[in-house]
Amino acid sequence: MIFNKMNICIFFIFLANLMMGSNIPAFKSIDETLYIGVENTITIDLKGCDPELVEIKVNSGHLYKRSDSTYIMTISQLEDEVKIKLYYKKVIVEIKTLKTGRIPEPTLIFEFESDGKISRKKNPNPGKLSFVYPTSYPENQKLTIISFFVSLIDANGMPMFSANMRNDSFDEQAINQLKRLNPGSSISISHIISQHPTQGTRQTHYVKQLLVVD
């Protein structure tokens, strides 16, 4: 039988696990794709092991330890694959081979809009503004909207109202102004401030246009 490097490595991992017994650390939570330019979280199930004897090594990117069981990895460019190796007592106990990619763009949507249009007959309030994320989007990168700037423009292109909304919805004044617009008017959303799960508040580059249809 011909053994390549991967087969030999898997054999030694199996042998090490057999010698150490069942109480060895393992990868607990790690996405199949590492996204460039963001923090990728790697979680370890220590299974009661001494964290001082646990180590992770990668063949590309940058890795730092956030806690005994949590590591953060960042990559700056696309790679064919990235290998992440988990060590216990300086012996490899698990290997993950991951792909890399660019983080997908979310979609900015009001709760009661339909195809970029607002029907006031159905609901005079557009509802909450939020980001809708692809299923592959990492949870630790999802943003929560805490304020945005709204401009209401009539069908002739004249500005009718503008103000900063201090949460993720229109306030009462903005709703009342929206009710007065003629069909064919538009709503412009910009200067969105959002809350990142770990990195605080930030202003996003997203803008949005809606058409008032009735």
C-alpha atoms as a PDB file:
ATOM      1  CA  MET A   1       0.000   0.000   0.000  1.00  0.00           C
ATOM      2  CA  ILE A   2       1.329   3.429  -0.902  1.00  0.00           C
ATOM      3  CA  PHE A   3       1.033   6.070   1.835  1.00  0.00           C
ATOM      4  CA  ASN A   4       1.008   9.753   0.988  1.00  0.00           C
ATOM      5  CA  LYS A   5       1.677  12.495   3.540  1.00  0.00           C
ATOM      6  CA  MET A   6      -2.000  12.866   4.445  1.00  0.00           C
ATOM      7  CA  ASN A   7      -2.460   9.135   5.031  1.00  0.00           C
ATOM      8  CA  ILE A   8       0.612   9.055   7.267  1.00  0.00           C
ATOM      9  CA  CYS A   9      -0.625  12.070   9.214  1.00  0.00           C
ATOM     10  CA  ILE A  10      -4.088  10.525   9.709  1.00  0.00           C
ATOM     11  CA  PHE A  11      -2.448   7.290  10.878  1.00  0.00           C
ATOM     12  CA  PHE A  12      -0.418   9.110  13.525  1.00  0.00           C
ATOM     13  CA  ILE A  13      -3.467  11.078  14.663  1.00  0.00           C
ATOM     14  CA  PHE A  14      -5.365   7.816  15.080  1.00  0.00           C
ATOM     15  CA  LEU A  15      -2.424   6.330  16.991  1.00  0.00           C
ATOM     16  CA  ALA A  16      -2.129   9.399  19.243  1.00  0.00           C
ATOM     17  CA  ASN A  17      -5.866   9.361  20.021  1.00  0.00           C
ATOM     18  CA  LEU A  18      -5.676   5.679  20.853  1.00  0.00           C
ATOM     19  CA  MET A  19      -2.799   6.248  23.252  1.00  0.00           C
ATOM     20  CA  MET A  20      -4.369   9.266  24.958  1.00  0.00           C
ATOM     21  CA  GLY A  21      -7.828   7.787  25.417  1.00  0.00           C
ATOM     22  CA  SER A  22     -11.162   9.534  24.833  1.00  0.00           C
ATOM     23  CA  ASN A  23     -10.493  12.674  26.869  1.00  0.00           C
ATOM     24  CA  ILE A  24      -8.719  14.662  24.197  1.00  0.00           C
ATOM     25  CA  PRO A  25      -9.678  18.105  22.855  1.00  0.00           C
ATOM     26  CA  ALA A  26     -11.510  18.468  19.563  1.00  0.00           C
ATOM     27  CA  PHE A  27     -12.734  21.201  17.243  1.00  0.00           C
ATOM     28  CA  LYS A  28     -16.201  22.181  18.446  1.00  0.00           C
ATOM     29  CA  SER A  29     -17.297  24.967  16.116  1.00  0.00           C
ATOM     30  CA  ILE A  30     -15.551  25.969  12.919  1.00  0.00           C
ATOM     31  CA  ASP A  31     -17.084  27.049   9.590  1.00  0.00           C
ATOM     32  CA  GLU A  32     -16.124  25.252   6.391  1.00  0.00           C
ATOM     33  CA  THR A  33     -15.080  28.571   4.822  1.00  0.00           C
ATOM     34  CA  LEU A  34     -12.647  31.150   6.163  1.00  0.00           C
ATOM     35  CA  TYR A  35     -13.595  34.657   5.030  1.00  0.00           C
ATOM     36  CA  ILE A  36     -10.929  37.211   4.207  1.00  0.00           C
ATOM     37  CA  GLY A  37     -10.877  40.519   6.062  1.00  0.00           C
ATOM     38  CA  VAL A  38     -13.012  39.419   9.029  1.00  0.00           C
ATOM     39  CA  GLU A  39     -12.545  37.543  12.302  1.00  0.00           C
ATOM     40  CA  ASN A  40     -13.169  33.816  11.885  1.00  0.00           C
ATOM     41  CA  THR A  41     -13.932  32.099  15.197  1.00  0.00           C
ATOM     42  CA  ILE A  42     -12.536  28.665  16.031  1.00  0.00           C
ATOM     43  CA  THR A  43     -13.917  26.978  19.142  1.00  0.00           C
ATOM     44  CA  ILE A  44     -12.329  24.025  20.927  1.00  0.00           C
ATOM     45  CA  ASP A  45     -14.061  21.461  23.137  1.00  0.00           C
ATOM     46  CA  LEU A  46     -11.394  20.986  25.821  1.00  0.00           C
ATOM     47  CA  LYS A  47     -13.136  17.939  27.324  1.00  0.00           C
ATOM     48  CA  GLY A  48     -11.565  18.674  30.674  1.00  0.00           C
ATOM     49  CA  CYS A  49      -8.013  18.884  29.333  1.00  0.00           C
ATOM     50  CA  ASP A  50      -5.483  21.403  30.580  1.00  0.00           C
ATOM     51  CA  PRO A  51      -5.716  24.341  28.108  1.00  0.00           C
ATOM     52  CA  GLU A  52      -1.991  24.990  28.581  1.00  0.00           C
ATOM     53  CA  LEU A  53      -1.376  21.702  26.767  1.00  0.00           C
ATOM     54  CA  VAL A  54      -3.658  22.591  23.842  1.00  0.00           C
ATOM     55  CA  GLU A  55      -2.375  24.457  20.793  1.00  0.00           C
ATOM     56  CA  ILE A  56      -3.586  25.353  17.298  1.00  0.00           C
ATOM     57  CA  LYS A  57      -1.334  25.927  14.300  1.00  0.00           C
ATOM     58  CA  VAL A  58      -2.252  27.152  10.812  1.00  0.00           C
ATOM     59  CA  ASN A  59      -0.311  27.112   7.562  1.00  0.00           C
ATOM     60  CA  SER A  60      -1.578  30.535   6.476  1.00  0.00           C
ATOM     61  CA  GLY A  61      -3.128  33.662   7.963  1.00  0.00           C
ATOM     62  CA  HIS A  62      -2.909  35.010  11.500  1.00  0.00           C
ATOM     63  CA  LEU A  63      -4.179  33.293  14.649  1.00  0.00           C
ATOM     64  CA  TYR A  64      -4.592  34.557  18.191  1.00  0.00           C
ATOM     65  CA  LYS A  65      -6.108  33.122  21.354  1.00  0.00           C
ATOM     66  CA  ARG A  66      -9.149  34.916  22.771  1.00  0.00           C
ATOM     67  CA  SER A  67      -9.819  32.471  25.621  1.00  0.00           C
ATOM     68  CA  ASP A  68      -8.860  28.944  26.667  1.00  0.00           C
ATOM     69  CA  SER A  69     -11.310  27.465  24.171  1.00  0.00           C
ATOM     70  CA  THR A  70     -11.699  30.218  21.556  1.00  0.00           C
ATOM     71  CA  TYR A  71      -9.300  31.308  18.832  1.00  0.00           C
ATOM     72  CA  ILE A  72      -9.649  34.031  16.213  1.00  0.00           C
ATOM     73  CA  MET A  73      -8.191  33.635  12.736  1.00  0.00           C
ATOM     74  CA  THR A  74      -7.845  36.272  10.033  1.00  0.00           C
ATOM     75  CA  ILE A  75      -6.696  35.885   6.434  1.00  0.00           C
ATOM     76  CA  SER A  76      -5.850  38.662   3.989  1.00  0.00           C
ATOM     77  CA  GLN A  77      -6.011  36.844   0.663  1.00  0.00           C
ATOM     78  CA  LEU A  78      -7.718  33.931  -1.024  1.00  0.00           C
ATOM     79  CA  GLU A  79      -5.965  30.579  -0.661  1.00  0.00           C
ATOM     80  CA  ASP A  80      -6.579  27.225  -2.347  1.00  0.00           C
ATOM     81  CA  GLU A  81      -6.957  25.701   1.115  1.00  0.00           C
ATOM     82  CA  VAL A  82      -5.956  26.348   4.703  1.00  0.00           C
ATOM     83  CA  LYS A  83      -5.015  23.604   7.146  1.00  0.00           C
ATOM     84  CA  ILE A  84      -5.743  24.040  10.840  1.00  0.00           C
ATOM     85  CA  LYS A  85      -4.061  21.579  13.183  1.00  0.00           C
ATOM     86  CA  LEU A  86      -5.093  20.914  16.770  1.00  0.00           C
ATOM     87  CA  TYR A  87      -2.340  19.737  19.126  1.00  0.00           C
ATOM     88  CA  TYR A  88      -2.569  18.230  22.586  1.00  0.00           C
ATOM     89  CA  LYS A  89       0.633  17.588  24.505  1.00  0.00           C
ATOM     90  CA  LYS A  90       2.485  18.580  21.304  1.00  0.00           C
ATOM     91  CA  VAL A  91       0.809  15.752  19.370  1.00  0.00           C
ATOM     92  CA  ILE A  92      -1.621  16.375  16.466  1.00  0.00           C
ATOM     93  CA  VAL A  93      -5.101  15.151  17.420  1.00  0.00           C
ATOM     94  CA  GLU A  94      -7.200  16.708  14.623  1.00  0.00           C
ATOM     95  CA  ILE A  95      -6.757  18.446  11.284  1.00  0.00           C
ATOM     96  CA  LYS A  96      -9.266  20.618   9.412  1.00  0.00           C
ATOM     97  CA  THR A  97      -8.810  21.566   5.758  1.00  0.00           C
ATOM     98  CA  LEU A  98     -10.854  24.670   4.945  1.00  0.00           C
ATOM     99  CA  LYS A  99     -11.553  26.721   1.864  1.00  0.00           C
ATOM    100  CA  THR A 100     -11.386  30.511   1.740  1.00  0.00           C
ATOM    101  CA  GLY A 101     -13.750  33.068   0.262  1.00  0.00           C
ATOM    102  CA  ARG A 102     -14.985  36.636   0.281  1.00  0.00           C
ATOM    103  CA  ILE A 103     -17.743  37.337   2.761  1.00  0.00           C
ATOM    104  CA  PRO A 104     -21.121  37.550   0.933  1.00  0.00           C
ATOM    105  CA  GLU A 105     -23.008  40.840   0.899  1.00  0.00           C
ATOM    106  CA  PRO A 106     -26.202  41.091   2.979  1.00  0.00           C
ATOM    107  CA  THR A 107     -29.411  42.691   1.688  1.00  0.00           C
ATOM    108  CA  LEU A 108     -30.942  45.759   3.343  1.00  0.00           C
ATOM    109  CA  ILE A 109     -34.712  45.323   3.687  1.00  0.00           C
ATOM    110  CA  PHE A 110     -37.675  46.968   5.423  1.00  0.00           C
ATOM    111  CA  GLU A 111     -40.063  44.602   7.152  1.00  0.00           C
ATOM    112  CA  PHE A 112     -43.110  45.496   5.014  1.00  0.00           C
ATOM    113  CA  GLU A 113     -41.543  46.364   1.663  1.00  0.00           C
ATOM    114  CA  SER A 114     -42.134  44.297  -1.452  1.00  0.00           C
ATOM    115  CA  ASP A 115     -39.647  44.264  -4.348  1.00  0.00           C
ATOM    116  CA  GLY A 116     -38.268  47.659  -3.367  1.00  0.00           C
ATOM    117  CA  LYS A 117     -41.726  49.227  -3.059  1.00  0.00           C
ATOM    118  CA  ILE A 118     -43.861  50.479  -0.182  1.00  0.00           C
ATOM    119  CA  SER A 119     -47.645  50.175  -0.326  1.00  0.00           C
ATOM    120  CA  ARG A 120     -49.262  52.449   2.270  1.00  0.00           C
ATOM    121  CA  LYS A 121     -52.640  50.810   1.670  1.00  0.00           C
ATOM    122  CA  LYS A 122     -51.250  47.593   3.086  1.00  0.00           C
ATOM    123  CA  ASN A 123     -49.267  49.266   5.888  1.00  0.00           C
ATOM    124  CA  PRO A 124     -48.455  52.969   6.416  1.00  0.00           C
ATOM    125  CA  ASN A 125     -45.379  51.945   8.450  1.00  0.00           C
ATOM    126  CA  PRO A 126     -42.450  50.332   6.549  1.00  0.00           C
ATOM    127  CA  GLY A 127     -41.551  48.385   9.692  1.00  0.00           C
ATOM    128  CA  LYS A 128     -38.071  47.518  10.903  1.00  0.00           C
ATOM    129  CA  LEU A 129     -34.987  48.013   8.755  1.00  0.00           C
ATOM    130  CA  SER A 130     -32.557  45.097   8.953  1.00  0.00           C
ATOM    131  CA  PHE A 131     -29.846  43.203   7.133  1.00  0.00           C
ATOM    132  CA  VAL A 132     -30.876  39.873   5.615  1.00  0.00           C
ATOM    133  CA  TYR A 133     -27.894  37.545   5.390  1.00  0.00           C
ATOM    134  CA  PRO A 134     -27.102  34.541   3.180  1.00  0.00           C
ATOM    135  CA  THR A 135     -27.261  31.217   5.011  1.00  0.00           C
ATOM    136  CA  SER A 136     -23.471  30.875   4.814  1.00  0.00           C
ATOM    137  CA  TYR A 137     -22.863  34.209   6.572  1.00  0.00           C
ATOM    138  CA  PRO A 138     -20.916  33.831   9.864  1.00  0.00           C
ATOM    139  CA  GLU A 139     -23.006  34.617  12.954  1.00  0.00           C
ATOM    140  CA  ASN A 140     -20.225  36.616  14.605  1.00  0.00           C
ATOM    141  CA  GLN A 141     -20.248  39.138  11.738  1.00  0.00           C
ATOM    142  CA  LYS A 142     -23.973  39.959  11.635  1.00  0.00           C
ATOM    143  CA  LEU A 143     -24.863  43.607  12.296  1.00  0.00           C
ATOM    144  CA  THR A 144     -27.815  45.119  14.131  1.00  0.00           C
ATOM    145  CA  ILE A 145     -29.058  48.509  12.900  1.00  0.00           C
ATOM    146  CA  ILE A 146     -29.268  51.168  15.618  1.00  0.00           C
ATOM    147  CA  SER A 147     -29.884  54.321  13.523  1.00  0.00           C
ATOM    148  CA  PHE A 148     -30.214  55.547   9.934  1.00  0.00           C
ATOM    149  CA  PHE A 149     -30.907  58.716   7.943  1.00  0.00           C
ATOM    150  CA  VAL A 150     -34.097  58.952   5.895  1.00  0.00           C
ATOM    151  CA  SER A 151     -35.041  61.366   3.096  1.00  0.00           C
ATOM    152  CA  LEU A 152     -38.537  61.552   1.587  1.00  0.00           C
ATOM    153  CA  ILE A 153     -38.666  62.907  -1.961  1.00  0.00           C
ATOM    154  CA  ASP A 154     -41.852  63.672  -3.879  1.00  0.00           C
ATOM    155  CA  ALA A 155     -42.651  62.433  -7.378  1.00  0.00           C
ATOM    156  CA  ASN A 156     -41.192  65.639  -8.891  1.00  0.00           C
ATOM    157  CA  GLY A 157     -37.834  65.119  -7.153  1.00  0.00           C
ATOM    158  CA  MET A 158     -38.389  67.750  -4.447  1.00  0.00           C
ATOM    159  CA  PRO A 159     -37.113  66.920  -0.921  1.00  0.00           C
ATOM    160  CA  MET A 160     -40.066  66.873   1.492  1.00  0.00           C
ATOM    161  CA  PHE A 161     -38.582  65.572   4.731  1.00  0.00           C
ATOM    162  CA  SER A 162     -35.281  64.345   6.158  1.00  0.00           C
ATOM    163  CA  ALA A 163     -34.238  63.234   9.623  1.00  0.00           C
ATOM    164  CA  ASN A 164     -32.129  60.764  11.547  1.00  0.00           C
ATOM    165  CA  MET A 165     -33.991  57.761  12.941  1.00  0.00           C
ATOM    166  CA  ARG A 166     -32.569  56.728  16.312  1.00  0.00           C
ATOM    167  CA  ASN A 167     -33.384  53.021  16.043  1.00  0.00           C
ATOM    168  CA  ASP A 168     -34.227  50.535  13.272  1.00  0.00           C
ATOM    169  CA  SER A 169     -37.678  51.990  12.407  1.00  0.00           C
ATOM    170  CA  PHE A 170     -39.417  55.161  11.276  1.00  0.00           C
ATOM    171  CA  ASP A 171     -40.476  57.412  14.162  1.00  0.00           C
ATOM    172  CA  GLU A 172     -43.996  58.859  14.344  1.00  0.00           C
ATOM    173  CA  GLN A 173     -43.055  62.092  12.562  1.00  0.00           C
ATOM    174  CA  ALA A 174     -41.470  60.226   9.638  1.00  0.00           C
ATOM    175  CA  ILE A 175     -44.521  57.950   9.316  1.00  0.00           C
ATOM    176  CA  ASN A 176     -46.849  60.973   9.227  1.00  0.00           C
ATOM    177  CA  GLN A 177     -44.708  62.608   6.530  1.00  0.00           C
ATOM    178  CA  LEU A 178     -44.684  59.366   4.536  1.00  0.00           C
ATOM    179  CA  LYS A 179     -48.496  59.304   4.564  1.00  0.00           C
ATOM    180  CA  ARG A 180     -48.568  62.711   2.831  1.00  0.00           C
ATOM    181  CA  LEU A 181     -46.441  61.703  -0.144  1.00  0.00           C
ATOM    182  CA  ASN A 182     -48.007  61.188  -3.577  1.00  0.00           C
ATOM    183  CA  PRO A 183     -47.616  57.847  -5.390  1.00  0.00           C
ATOM    184  CA  GLY A 184     -44.361  57.839  -7.327  1.00  0.00           C
ATOM    185  CA  SER A 185     -42.454  59.472  -4.488  1.00  0.00           C
ATOM    186  CA  SER A 186     -39.346  57.825  -3.106  1.00  0.00           C
ATOM    187  CA  ILE A 187     -37.630  57.020   0.165  1.00  0.00           C
ATOM    188  CA  SER A 188     -33.849  57.240   0.488  1.00  0.00           C
ATOM    189  CA  ILE A 189     -31.955  55.523   3.309  1.00  0.00           C
ATOM    190  CA  SER A 190     -28.295  56.270   4.099  1.00  0.00           C
ATOM    191  CA  HIS A 191     -25.751  56.838   6.926  1.00  0.00           C
ATOM    192  CA  ILE A 192     -26.662  53.581   8.631  1.00  0.00           C
ATOM    193  CA  ILE A 193     -25.079  53.036  12.046  1.00  0.00           C
ATOM    194  CA  SER A 194     -24.928  49.425  13.143  1.00  0.00           C
ATOM    195  CA  GLN A 195     -23.759  47.365  16.104  1.00  0.00           C
ATOM    196  CA  HIS A 196     -21.168  44.638  15.522  1.00  0.00           C
ATOM    197  CA  PRO A 197     -21.302  41.668  17.950  1.00  0.00           C
ATOM    198  CA  THR A 198     -17.715  42.230  19.144  1.00  0.00           C
ATOM    199  CA  GLN A 199     -16.325  45.382  17.517  1.00  0.00           C
ATOM    200  CA  GLY A 200     -18.772  48.076  18.651  1.00  0.00           C
ATOM    201  CA  THR A 201     -20.676  50.518  16.459  1.00  0.00           C
ATOM    202  CA  ARG A 202     -19.805  51.358  12.874  1.00  0.00           C
ATOM    203  CA  GLN A 203     -21.173  53.314   9.915  1.00  0.00           C
ATOM    204  CA  THR A 204     -21.863  51.078   6.938  1.00  0.00           C
ATOM    205  CA  HIS A 205     -21.598  51.978   3.264  1.00  0.00           C
ATOM    206  CA  TYR A 206     -25.057  50.651   2.378  1.00  0.00           C
ATOM    207  CA  VAL A 207     -27.742  52.887   0.838  1.00  0.00           C
ATOM    208  CA  LYS A 208     -31.296  52.036  -0.141  1.00  0.00           C
ATOM    209  CA  GLN A 209     -34.020  53.500  -2.365  1.00  0.00           C
ATOM    210  CA  LEU A 210     -37.730  52.654  -2.114  1.00  0.00           C
ATOM    211  CA  LEU A 211     -40.644  53.619  -4.337  1.00  0.00           C
ATOM    212  CA  VAL A 212     -43.978  54.681  -2.855  1.00  0.00           C
ATOM    213  CA  VAL A 213     -46.615  53.055  -5.070  1.00  0.00           C
ATOM    214  CA  ASP A 214     -49.941  54.143  -3.518  1.00  0.00           C
END
